[in-house]
All heavy atoms as atom14 arrays in JSON, in Angstrom:
{
  "sequence": "AAMNNNKVAMISVGWDPGMFSLNRLYANAILPHGCDYTFWGKGVSQG",
  "atom14_mask": [
    [1, 1, 1, 1, 1, 0, 0, 0, 0, 0, 0, 0, 0, 0],
    [1, 1, 1, 1, 1, 0, 0, 0, 0, 0, 0, 0, 0, 0],
    [1, 1, 1, 1, 1, 1, 1, 1, 0, 0, 0, 0, 0, 0],
    [1, 1, 1, 1, 1, 1, 1, 1, 0, 0, 0, 0, 0, 0],
    [1, 1, 1, 1, 1, 1, 1, 1, 0, 0, 0, 0, 0, 0],
    [1, 1, 1, 1, 1, 1, 1, 1, 0, 0, 0, 0, 0, 0],
    [1, 1, 1, 1, 1, 1, 1, 1, 1, 0, 0, 0, 0, 0],
    [1, 1, 1, 1, 1, 1, 1, 0, 0, 0, 0, 0, 0, 0],
    [1, 1, 1, 1, 1, 0, 0, 0, 0, 0, 0, 0, 0, 0],
    [1, 1, 1, 1, 1, 1, 1, 1, 0, 0, 0, 0, 0, 0],
    [1, 1, 1, 1, 1, 1, 1, 1, 0, 0, 0, 0, 0, 0],
    [1, 1, 1, 1, 1, 1, 0, 0, 0, 0, 0, 0, 0, 0],
    [1, 1, 1, 1, 1, 1, 1, 0, 0, 0, 0, 0, 0, 0],
    [1, 1, 1, 1, 0, 0, 0, 0, 0, 0, 0, 0, 0, 0],
    [1, 1, 1, 1, 1, 1, 1, 1, 1, 1, 1, 1, 1, 1],
    [1, 1, 1, 1, 1, 1, 1, 1, 0, 0, 0, 0, 0, 0],
    [1, 1, 1, 1, 1, 1, 1, 0, 0, 0, 0, 0, 0, 0],
    [1, 1, 1, 1, 0, 0, 0, 0, 0, 0, 0, 0, 0, 0],
    [1, 1, 1, 1, 1, 1, 1, 1, 0, 0, 0, 0, 0, 0],
    [1, 1, 1, 1, 1, 1, 1, 1, 1, 1, 1, 0, 0, 0],
    [1, 1, 1, 1, 1, 1, 0, 0, 0, 0, 0, 0, 0, 0],
    [1, 1, 1, 1, 1, 1, 1, 1, 0, 0, 0, 0, 0, 0],
    [1, 1, 1, 1, 1, 1, 1, 1, 0, 0, 0, 0, 0, 0],
    [1, 1, 1, 1, 1, 1, 1, 1, 1, 1, 1, 0, 0, 0],
    [1, 1, 1, 1, 1, 1, 1, 1, 0, 0, 0, 0, 0, 0],
    [1, 1, 1, 1, 1, 1, 1, 1, 1, 1, 1, 1, 0, 0],
    [1, 1, 1, 1, 1, 0, 0, 0, 0, 0, 0, 0, 0, 0],
    [1, 1, 1, 1, 1, 1, 1, 1, 0, 0, 0, 0, 0, 0],
    [1, 1, 1, 1, 1, 0, 0, 0, 0, 0, 0, 0, 0, 0],
    [1, 1, 1, 1, 1, 1, 1, 1, 0, 0, 0, 0, 0, 0],
    [1, 1, 1, 1, 1, 1, 1, 1, 0, 0, 0, 0, 0, 0],
    [1, 1, 1, 1, 1, 1, 1, 0, 0, 0, 0, 0, 0, 0],
    [1, 1, 1, 1, 1, 1, 1, 1, 1, 1, 0, 0, 0, 0],
    [1, 1, 1, 1, 0, 0, 0, 0, 0, 0, 0, 0, 0, 0],
    [1, 1, 1, 1, 1, 1, 0, 0, 0, 0, 0, 0, 0, 0],
    [1, 1, 1, 1, 1, 1, 1, 1, 0, 0, 0, 0, 0, 0],
    [1, 1, 1, 1, 1, 1, 1, 1, 1, 1, 1, 1, 0, 0],
    [1, 1, 1, 1, 1, 1, 1, 0, 0, 0, 0, 0, 0, 0],
    [1, 1, 1, 1, 1, 1, 1, 1, 1, 1, 1, 0, 0, 0],
    [1, 1, 1, 1, 1, 1, 1, 1, 1, 1, 1, 1, 1, 1],
    [1, 1, 1, 1, 0, 0, 0, 0, 0, 0, 0, 0, 0, 0],
    [1, 1, 1, 1, 1, 1, 1, 1, 1, 0, 0, 0, 0, 0],
    [1, 1, 1, 1, 0, 0, 0, 0, 0, 0, 0, 0, 0, 0],
    [1, 1, 1, 1, 1, 1, 1, 0, 0, 0, 0, 0, 0, 0],
    [1, 1, 1, 1, 1, 1, 0, 0, 0, 0, 0, 0, 0, 0],
    [1, 1, 1, 1, 1, 1, 1, 1, 1, 0, 0, 0, 0, 0],
    [1, 1, 1, 1, 0, 0, 0, 0, 0, 0, 0, 0, 0, 0]
  ],
  "atom14_positions": [
    [[30.25, -41.0, 5.75], [29.35, -41.79, 6.77], [29.32, -41.23, 8.09], [28.34, -41.06, 8.68], [29.93, -43.24, 6.72], [0.0, 0.0, 0.0], [0.0, 0.0, 0.0], [0.0, 0.0, 0.0], [0.0, 0.0, 0.0], [0.0, 0.0, 0.0], [0.0, 0.0, 0.0], [0.0, 0.0, 0.0], [0.0, 0.0, 0.0], [0.0, 0.0, 0.0]],
    [[30.51, -40.8, 8.57], [30.65, -40.26, 10.01], [29.97, -38.86, 10.11], [29.22, -38.57, 11.01], [32.1, -40.18, 10.39], [0.0, 0.0, 0.0], [0.0, 0.0, 0.0], [0.0, 0.0, 0.0], [0.0, 0.0, 0.0], [0.0, 0.0, 0.0], [0.0, 0.0, 0.0], [0.0, 0.0, 0.0], [0.0, 0.0, 0.0], [0.0, 0.0, 0.0]],
    [[30.22, -38.02, 9.05], [29.63, -36.76, 9.15], [28.11, -36.7, 9.13], [27.44, -36.06, 9.9], [30.15, -35.83, 7.93], [31.56, -35.46, 8.04], [31.91, -34.28, 9.35], [31.14, -32.78, 8.56], [0.0, 0.0, 0.0], [0.0, 0.0, 0.0], [0.0, 0.0, 0.0], [0.0, 0.0, 0.0], [0.0, 0.0, 0.0], [0.0, 0.0, 0.0]],
    [[27.56, -37.63, 8.2], [26.11, -37.76, 8.09], [25.43, -38.27, 9.33], [24.28, -38.07, 9.52], [25.74, -38.58, 6.93], [26.11, -38.02, 5.57], [26.29, -36.76, 5.43], [26.25, -38.73, 4.48], [0.0, 0.0, 0.0], [0.0, 0.0, 0.0], [0.0, 0.0, 0.0], [0.0, 0.0, 0.0], [0.0, 0.0, 0.0], [0.0, 0.0, 0.0]],
    [[26.23, -38.93, 10.23], [25.62, -39.67, 11.41], [26.26, -39.04, 12.66], [25.98, -39.64, 13.75], [25.84, -41.06, 11.41], [25.01, -41.72, 10.13], [23.87, -41.94, 10.29], [25.71, -41.9, 9.02], [0.0, 0.0, 0.0], [0.0, 0.0, 0.0], [0.0, 0.0, 0.0], [0.0, 0.0, 0.0], [0.0, 0.0, 0.0], [0.0, 0.0, 0.0]],
    [[26.85, -37.99, 12.62], [27.45, -37.26, 13.85], [28.36, -38.15, 14.66], [28.35, -38.09, 15.96], [26.37, -36.76, 14.73], [25.47, -35.68, 14.01], [26.06, -34.8, 13.43], [24.19, -35.73, 14.1], [0.0, 0.0, 0.0], [0.0, 0.0, 0.0], [0.0, 0.0, 0.0], [0.0, 0.0, 0.0], [0.0, 0.0, 0.0], [0.0, 0.0, 0.0]],
    [[29.17, -38.93, 13.97], [30.07, -39.79, 14.61], [31.56, -39.39, 14.31], [31.81, -38.65, 13.37], [29.97, -41.24, 14.16], [28.59, -41.79, 14.47], [28.24, -41.86, 15.9], [26.82, -42.41, 16.17], [26.52, -42.48, 17.66], [0.0, 0.0, 0.0], [0.0, 0.0, 0.0], [0.0, 0.0, 0.0], [0.0, 0.0, 0.0], [0.0, 0.0, 0.0]],
    [[32.53, -39.81, 15.23], [33.95, -39.61, 14.92], [34.53, -40.94, 14.49], [34.39, -41.93, 15.22], [34.64, -39.13, 16.23], [36.16, -39.01, 15.96], [34.16, -37.73, 16.73], [0.0, 0.0, 0.0], [0.0, 0.0, 0.0], [0.0, 0.0, 0.0], [0.0, 0.0, 0.0], [0.0, 0.0, 0.0], [0.0, 0.0, 0.0], [0.0, 0.0, 0.0]],
    [[35.18, -40.91, 13.38], [35.88, -42.13, 12.86], [37.35, -41.94, 12.75], [37.71, -41.08, 11.9], [35.22, -42.51, 11.49], [0.0, 0.0, 0.0], [0.0, 0.0, 0.0], [0.0, 0.0, 0.0], [0.0, 0.0, 0.0], [0.0, 0.0, 0.0], [0.0, 0.0, 0.0], [0.0, 0.0, 0.0], [0.0, 0.0, 0.0], [0.0, 0.0, 0.0]],
    [[38.11, -42.57, 13.55], [39.58, -42.39, 13.49], [40.1, -43.54, 12.63], [40.03, -44.71, 13.0], [40.12, -42.48, 14.96], [41.57, -42.1, 15.11], [41.75, -40.28, 15.05], [40.81, -39.82, 16.52], [0.0, 0.0, 0.0], [0.0, 0.0, 0.0], [0.0, 0.0, 0.0], [0.0, 0.0, 0.0], [0.0, 0.0, 0.0], [0.0, 0.0, 0.0]],
    [[40.91, -43.15, 11.55], [41.36, -44.27, 10.62], [42.9, -44.28, 10.66], [43.6, -43.33, 11.06], [40.84, -44.04, 9.23], [41.48, -42.72, 8.58], [39.41, -44.05, 9.18], [41.4, -42.72, 7.03], [0.0, 0.0, 0.0], [0.0, 0.0, 0.0], [0.0, 0.0, 0.0], [0.0, 0.0, 0.0], [0.0, 0.0, 0.0], [0.0, 0.0, 0.0]],
    [[43.46, -45.34, 10.25], [44.86, -45.47, 9.97], [45.68, -45.23, 11.22], [46.72, -44.57, 11.14], [45.3, -44.71, 8.81], [44.66, -44.97, 7.58], [0.0, 0.0, 0.0], [0.0, 0.0, 0.0], [0.0, 0.0, 0.0], [0.0, 0.0, 0.0], [0.0, 0.0, 0.0], [0.0, 0.0, 0.0], [0.0, 0.0, 0.0], [0.0, 0.0, 0.0]],
    [[45.32, -45.93, 12.32], [45.98, -45.81, 13.61], [46.87, -46.99, 13.9], [46.39, -48.13, 13.61], [45.01, -45.66, 14.78], [45.64, -45.63, 16.19], [44.09, -44.38, 14.6], [0.0, 0.0, 0.0], [0.0, 0.0, 0.0], [0.0, 0.0, 0.0], [0.0, 0.0, 0.0], [0.0, 0.0, 0.0], [0.0, 0.0, 0.0], [0.0, 0.0, 0.0]],
    [[48.14, -46.74, 14.23], [49.06, -47.82, 14.53], [50.41, -47.17, 14.61], [50.51, -46.1, 15.09], [0.0, 0.0, 0.0], [0.0, 0.0, 0.0], [0.0, 0.0, 0.0], [0.0, 0.0, 0.0], [0.0, 0.0, 0.0], [0.0, 0.0, 0.0], [0.0, 0.0, 0.0], [0.0, 0.0, 0.0], [0.0, 0.0, 0.0], [0.0, 0.0, 0.0]],
    [[51.4, -47.92, 14.1], [52.72, -47.36, 14.13], [53.28, -46.87, 12.72], [54.07, -45.92, 12.63], [53.82, -48.17, 14.84], [53.99, -49.58, 14.41], [53.3, -50.59, 14.72], [55.03, -50.04, 13.47], [53.8, -51.71, 14.1], [54.89, -51.38, 13.38], [56.07, -49.27, 12.86], [55.76, -52.13, 12.55], [56.93, -50.06, 12.11], [56.79, -51.5, 11.94]],
    [[52.72, -47.48, 11.64], [52.98, -46.9, 10.3], [51.93, -47.42, 9.38], [52.07, -48.56, 8.94], [54.4, -47.25, 9.83], [54.77, -46.3, 8.68], [53.96, -45.38, 8.36], [55.86, -46.49, 8.08], [0.0, 0.0, 0.0], [0.0, 0.0, 0.0], [0.0, 0.0, 0.0], [0.0, 0.0, 0.0], [0.0, 0.0, 0.0], [0.0, 0.0, 0.0]],
    [[50.9, -46.67, 9.08], [50.72, -45.25, 9.47], [50.34, -45.19, 11.01], [49.82, -46.05, 11.6], [49.47, -44.87, 8.59], [48.77, -46.19, 8.3], [49.85, -47.21, 8.1], [0.0, 0.0, 0.0], [0.0, 0.0, 0.0], [0.0, 0.0, 0.0], [0.0, 0.0, 0.0], [0.0, 0.0, 0.0], [0.0, 0.0, 0.0], [0.0, 0.0, 0.0]],
    [[50.64, -43.95, 11.53], [50.31, -43.75, 12.95], [51.53, -42.99, 13.53], [51.75, -41.78, 13.15], [0.0, 0.0, 0.0], [0.0, 0.0, 0.0], [0.0, 0.0, 0.0], [0.0, 0.0, 0.0], [0.0, 0.0, 0.0], [0.0, 0.0, 0.0], [0.0, 0.0, 0.0], [0.0, 0.0, 0.0], [0.0, 0.0, 0.0], [0.0, 0.0, 0.0]],
    [[52.19, -43.68, 14.44], [53.38, -43.01, 15.11], [54.44, -42.45, 14.16], [55.0, -41.45, 14.29], [53.95, -43.92, 16.21], [52.84, -44.46, 17.2], [51.88, -43.2, 18.0], [53.2, -42.21, 18.83], [0.0, 0.0, 0.0], [0.0, 0.0, 0.0], [0.0, 0.0, 0.0], [0.0, 0.0, 0.0], [0.0, 0.0, 0.0], [0.0, 0.0, 0.0]],
    [[54.81, -43.37, 13.14], [55.73, -42.92, 12.18], [55.26, -41.67, 11.48], [56.01, -40.85, 11.05], [56.03, -44.09, 11.21], [57.12, -45.04, 11.76], [57.46, -45.08, 13.0], [57.73, -45.97, 10.89], [58.47, -45.88, 13.54], [58.68, -46.75, 11.28], [59.05, -46.86, 12.64], [0.0, 0.0, 0.0], [0.0, 0.0, 0.0], [0.0, 0.0, 0.0]],
    [[53.98, -41.63, 11.14], [53.35, -40.56, 10.42], [53.59, -39.26, 11.1], [53.89, -38.21, 10.54], [51.91, -40.78, 10.11], [51.62, -42.14, 9.58], [0.0, 0.0, 0.0], [0.0, 0.0, 0.0], [0.0, 0.0, 0.0], [0.0, 0.0, 0.0], [0.0, 0.0, 0.0], [0.0, 0.0, 0.0], [0.0, 0.0, 0.0], [0.0, 0.0, 0.0]],
    [[53.26, -39.29, 12.39], [53.4, -38.11, 13.28], [54.89, -37.58, 13.29], [55.11, -36.48, 13.18], [52.98, -38.41, 14.72], [51.48, -38.48, 15.02], [51.25, -38.96, 16.5], [50.96, -37.12, 14.81], [0.0, 0.0, 0.0], [0.0, 0.0, 0.0], [0.0, 0.0, 0.0], [0.0, 0.0, 0.0], [0.0, 0.0, 0.0], [0.0, 0.0, 0.0]],
    [[55.78, -38.57, 13.39], [57.16, -38.15, 13.5], [57.73, -37.59, 12.12], [58.43, -36.7, 12.09], [58.05, -39.32, 13.89], [57.9, -39.51, 15.47], [58.69, -38.86, 16.17], [57.01, -40.41, 15.83], [0.0, 0.0, 0.0], [0.0, 0.0, 0.0], [0.0, 0.0, 0.0], [0.0, 0.0, 0.0], [0.0, 0.0, 0.0], [0.0, 0.0, 0.0]],
    [[57.2, -38.11, 11.04], [57.43, -37.49, 9.71], [56.9, -36.02, 9.63], [57.54, -35.18, 9.22], [56.87, -38.34, 8.6], [57.69, -39.65, 8.32], [57.19, -40.27, 7.01], [55.97, -41.08, 7.24], [55.84, -42.29, 7.45], [56.91, -43.01, 7.6], [54.68, -42.83, 7.57], [0.0, 0.0, 0.0], [0.0, 0.0, 0.0], [0.0, 0.0, 0.0]],
    [[55.72, -35.84, 10.24], [55.14, -34.55, 10.1], [55.94, -33.55, 11.0], [56.3, -32.45, 10.61], [53.68, -34.56, 10.56], [52.82, -33.22, 10.54], [51.41, -33.68, 10.33], [52.98, -32.43, 11.69], [0.0, 0.0, 0.0], [0.0, 0.0, 0.0], [0.0, 0.0, 0.0], [0.0, 0.0, 0.0], [0.0, 0.0, 0.0], [0.0, 0.0, 0.0]],
    [[56.19, -33.99, 12.24], [56.92, -33.16, 13.14], [58.29, -32.75, 12.57], [58.68, -31.54, 12.64], [57.11, -33.85, 14.53], [55.95, -33.86, 15.42], [55.62, -35.1, 16.17], [55.07, -32.86, 15.6], [54.61, -35.14, 16.94], [54.0, -32.86, 16.38], [53.75, -34.15, 17.13], [52.61, -34.22, 17.87], [0.0, 0.0, 0.0], [0.0, 0.0, 0.0]],
    [[59.0, -33.67, 12.02], [60.36, -33.47, 11.52], [60.33, -32.6, 10.33], [61.22, -31.69, 10.17], [61.01, -34.86, 11.27], [0.0, 0.0, 0.0], [0.0, 0.0, 0.0], [0.0, 0.0, 0.0], [0.0, 0.0, 0.0], [0.0, 0.0, 0.0], [0.0, 0.0, 0.0], [0.0, 0.0, 0.0], [0.0, 0.0, 0.0], [0.0, 0.0, 0.0]],
    [[59.31, -32.77, 9.48], [59.23, -31.89, 8.27], [58.92, -30.46, 8.6], [59.34, -29.55, 7.91], [58.21, -32.46, 7.28], [58.73, -33.41, 6.28], [59.02, -33.14, 5.19], [58.83, -34.67, 6.81], [0.0, 0.0, 0.0], [0.0, 0.0, 0.0], [0.0, 0.0, 0.0], [0.0, 0.0, 0.0], [0.0, 0.0, 0.0], [0.0, 0.0, 0.0]],
    [[58.06, -30.26, 9.69], [57.75, -29.0, 10.09], [58.82, -28.19, 10.7], [59.09, -27.0, 10.56], [56.64, -28.95, 11.08], [0.0, 0.0, 0.0], [0.0, 0.0, 0.0], [0.0, 0.0, 0.0], [0.0, 0.0, 0.0], [0.0, 0.0, 0.0], [0.0, 0.0, 0.0], [0.0, 0.0, 0.0], [0.0, 0.0, 0.0], [0.0, 0.0, 0.0]],
    [[59.72, -29.05, 11.46], [60.92, -28.42, 12.16], [62.07, -28.16, 11.24], [62.78, -27.17, 11.35], [61.29, -29.3, 13.3], [60.18, -29.38, 14.37], [62.63, -28.95, 13.95], [60.32, -30.47, 15.35], [0.0, 0.0, 0.0], [0.0, 0.0, 0.0], [0.0, 0.0, 0.0], [0.0, 0.0, 0.0], [0.0, 0.0, 0.0], [0.0, 0.0, 0.0]],
    [[62.29, -29.11, 10.34], [63.4, -29.03, 9.38], [62.81, -29.01, 7.96], [62.85, -30.04, 7.31], [64.44, -30.19, 9.54], [65.08, -30.22, 10.87], [65.95, -31.45, 10.88], [66.01, -28.98, 11.07], [0.0, 0.0, 0.0], [0.0, 0.0, 0.0], [0.0, 0.0, 0.0], [0.0, 0.0, 0.0], [0.0, 0.0, 0.0], [0.0, 0.0, 0.0]],
    [[62.4, -27.79, 7.48], [61.71, -27.84, 6.15], [62.65, -28.14, 5.02], [62.18, -28.54, 3.95], [61.15, -26.42, 5.93], [61.91, -25.58, 6.97], [62.31, -26.56, 8.08], [0.0, 0.0, 0.0], [0.0, 0.0, 0.0], [0.0, 0.0, 0.0], [0.0, 0.0, 0.0], [0.0, 0.0, 0.0], [0.0, 0.0, 0.0], [0.0, 0.0, 0.0]],
    [[63.93, -27.92, 5.15], [64.98, -28.24, 4.1], [65.68, -29.51, 4.54], [66.51, -29.52, 5.41], [65.93, -27.13, 3.98], [65.41, -25.91, 3.13], [66.15, -24.95, 2.62], [64.14, -25.56, 2.96], [65.4, -24.04, 2.09], [64.12, -24.42, 2.25], [0.0, 0.0, 0.0], [0.0, 0.0, 0.0], [0.0, 0.0, 0.0], [0.0, 0.0, 0.0]],
    [[65.33, -30.65, 3.86], [65.9, -31.87, 4.31], [65.31, -33.04, 3.59], [64.58, -32.85, 2.59], [0.0, 0.0, 0.0], [0.0, 0.0, 0.0], [0.0, 0.0, 0.0], [0.0, 0.0, 0.0], [0.0, 0.0, 0.0], [0.0, 0.0, 0.0], [0.0, 0.0, 0.0], [0.0, 0.0, 0.0], [0.0, 0.0, 0.0], [0.0, 0.0, 0.0]],
    [[65.61, -34.24, 4.06], [65.2, -35.47, 3.39], [64.6, -36.46, 4.43], [65.15, -36.59, 5.57], [66.35, -36.13, 2.63], [67.1, -35.18, 1.29], [0.0, 0.0, 0.0], [0.0, 0.0, 0.0], [0.0, 0.0, 0.0], [0.0, 0.0, 0.0], [0.0, 0.0, 0.0], [0.0, 0.0, 0.0], [0.0, 0.0, 0.0], [0.0, 0.0, 0.0]],
    [[63.59, -37.14, 3.99], [62.89, -38.18, 4.89], [63.45, -39.51, 4.49], [63.55, -39.95, 3.25], [61.45, -38.2, 4.68], [60.8, -36.89, 5.28], [61.17, -36.65, 6.45], [59.94, -36.35, 4.73], [0.0, 0.0, 0.0], [0.0, 0.0, 0.0], [0.0, 0.0, 0.0], [0.0, 0.0, 0.0], [0.0, 0.0, 0.0], [0.0, 0.0, 0.0]],
    [[63.56, -40.48, 5.52], [63.86, -41.8, 5.29], [63.09, -42.65, 6.3], [63.05, -42.35, 7.45], [65.39, -42.07, 5.48], [66.23, -41.38, 4.54], [66.75, -40.18, 4.87], [66.66, -41.89, 3.26], [67.55, -39.36, 3.96], [67.44, -41.23, 2.44], [67.91, -39.98, 2.73], [68.68, -39.2, 1.88], [0.0, 0.0, 0.0], [0.0, 0.0, 0.0]],
    [[62.48, -43.8, 5.79], [61.8, -44.73, 6.63], [62.39, -46.11, 6.37], [62.41, -46.55, 5.27], [60.22, -44.71, 6.44], [59.76, -43.35, 6.68], [59.62, -45.66, 7.34], [0.0, 0.0, 0.0], [0.0, 0.0, 0.0], [0.0, 0.0, 0.0], [0.0, 0.0, 0.0], [0.0, 0.0, 0.0], [0.0, 0.0, 0.0], [0.0, 0.0, 0.0]],
    [[62.8, -46.71, 7.46], [63.26, -48.07, 7.42], [62.44, -48.95, 8.23], [62.05, -48.59, 9.36], [64.76, -48.24, 7.9], [65.72, -47.5, 7.07], [66.04, -46.17, 7.23], [66.4, -48.29, 5.98], [67.01, -45.65, 6.44], [67.33, -47.62, 5.21], [67.62, -46.29, 5.46], [0.0, 0.0, 0.0], [0.0, 0.0, 0.0], [0.0, 0.0, 0.0]],
    [[62.04, -50.14, 7.77], [61.19, -51.09, 8.53], [62.03, -52.33, 8.9], [62.75, -52.81, 8.1], [59.96, -51.56, 7.76], [59.04, -50.33, 7.44], [58.11, -49.82, 8.25], [58.98, -49.66, 6.22], [57.44, -48.83, 7.67], [58.02, -48.7, 6.33], [59.6, -49.85, 5.02], [57.63, -47.83, 5.32], [59.24, -48.89, 3.95], [58.3, -47.93, 4.13]],
    [[61.87, -52.82, 10.16], [62.49, -53.98, 10.6], [63.6, -53.8, 11.55], [63.91, -52.7, 11.94], [0.0, 0.0, 0.0], [0.0, 0.0, 0.0], [0.0, 0.0, 0.0], [0.0, 0.0, 0.0], [0.0, 0.0, 0.0], [0.0, 0.0, 0.0], [0.0, 0.0, 0.0], [0.0, 0.0, 0.0], [0.0, 0.0, 0.0], [0.0, 0.0, 0.0]],
    [[64.29, -54.88, 11.93], [64.05, -56.22, 11.48], [62.71, -56.73, 12.1], [62.46, -56.61, 13.28], [65.17, -57.16, 11.88], [64.99, -58.59, 11.35], [66.14, -59.5, 11.76], [65.93, -60.79, 11.28], [67.08, -61.76, 11.62], [0.0, 0.0, 0.0], [0.0, 0.0, 0.0], [0.0, 0.0, 0.0], [0.0, 0.0, 0.0], [0.0, 0.0, 0.0]],
    [[61.83, -57.3, 11.24], [60.59, -57.75, 11.7], [59.77, -58.51, 10.78], [60.14, -58.6, 9.51], [0.0, 0.0, 0.0], [0.0, 0.0, 0.0], [0.0, 0.0, 0.0], [0.0, 0.0, 0.0], [0.0, 0.0, 0.0], [0.0, 0.0, 0.0], [0.0, 0.0, 0.0], [0.0, 0.0, 0.0], [0.0, 0.0, 0.0], [0.0, 0.0, 0.0]],
    [[58.78, -59.21, 11.19], [57.99, -60.07, 10.39], [57.0, -59.29, 9.7], [56.23, -58.47, 10.22], [57.15, -61.15, 11.35], [56.35, -61.97, 10.52], [58.22, -62.04, 12.06], [0.0, 0.0, 0.0], [0.0, 0.0, 0.0], [0.0, 0.0, 0.0], [0.0, 0.0, 0.0], [0.0, 0.0, 0.0], [0.0, 0.0, 0.0], [0.0, 0.0, 0.0]],
    [[56.92, -59.46, 8.42], [55.95, -58.88, 7.45], [54.91, -60.03, 7.31], [55.06, -61.04, 6.66], [56.48, -58.54, 6.06], [55.46, -58.21, 5.2], [0.0, 0.0, 0.0], [0.0, 0.0, 0.0], [0.0, 0.0, 0.0], [0.0, 0.0, 0.0], [0.0, 0.0, 0.0], [0.0, 0.0, 0.0], [0.0, 0.0, 0.0], [0.0, 0.0, 0.0]],
    [[53.64, -59.75, 7.89], [52.59, -60.74, 7.8], [52.12, -60.91, 6.48], [51.74, -62.0, 6.03], [51.52, -60.4, 8.81], [51.9, -60.42, 10.2], [50.86, -60.01, 11.31], [50.05, -60.91, 11.63], [50.87, -58.85, 11.68], [0.0, 0.0, 0.0], [0.0, 0.0, 0.0], [0.0, 0.0, 0.0], [0.0, 0.0, 0.0], [0.0, 0.0, 0.0]],
    [[51.98, -59.82, 5.66], [51.56, -59.9, 4.25], [52.45, -60.71, 3.28], [52.04, -61.61, 2.58], [0.0, 0.0, 0.0], [0.0, 0.0, 0.0], [0.0, 0.0, 0.0], [0.0, 0.0, 0.0], [0.0, 0.0, 0.0], [0.0, 0.0, 0.0], [0.0, 0.0, 0.0], [0.0, 0.0, 0.0], [0.0, 0.0, 0.0], [0.0, 0.0, 0.0]]
  ]
}
């Protein structure tokens, strides 16, 4: 839709996905041999 209409559409912006995603990418690029872990909370899950 965006390509056909010359628009920019930014999706999945927030902290996860978003800021956490960026940090996973940076860390994987810097330390290619390793393991990823993501922990959420303590916090309210609205769903």
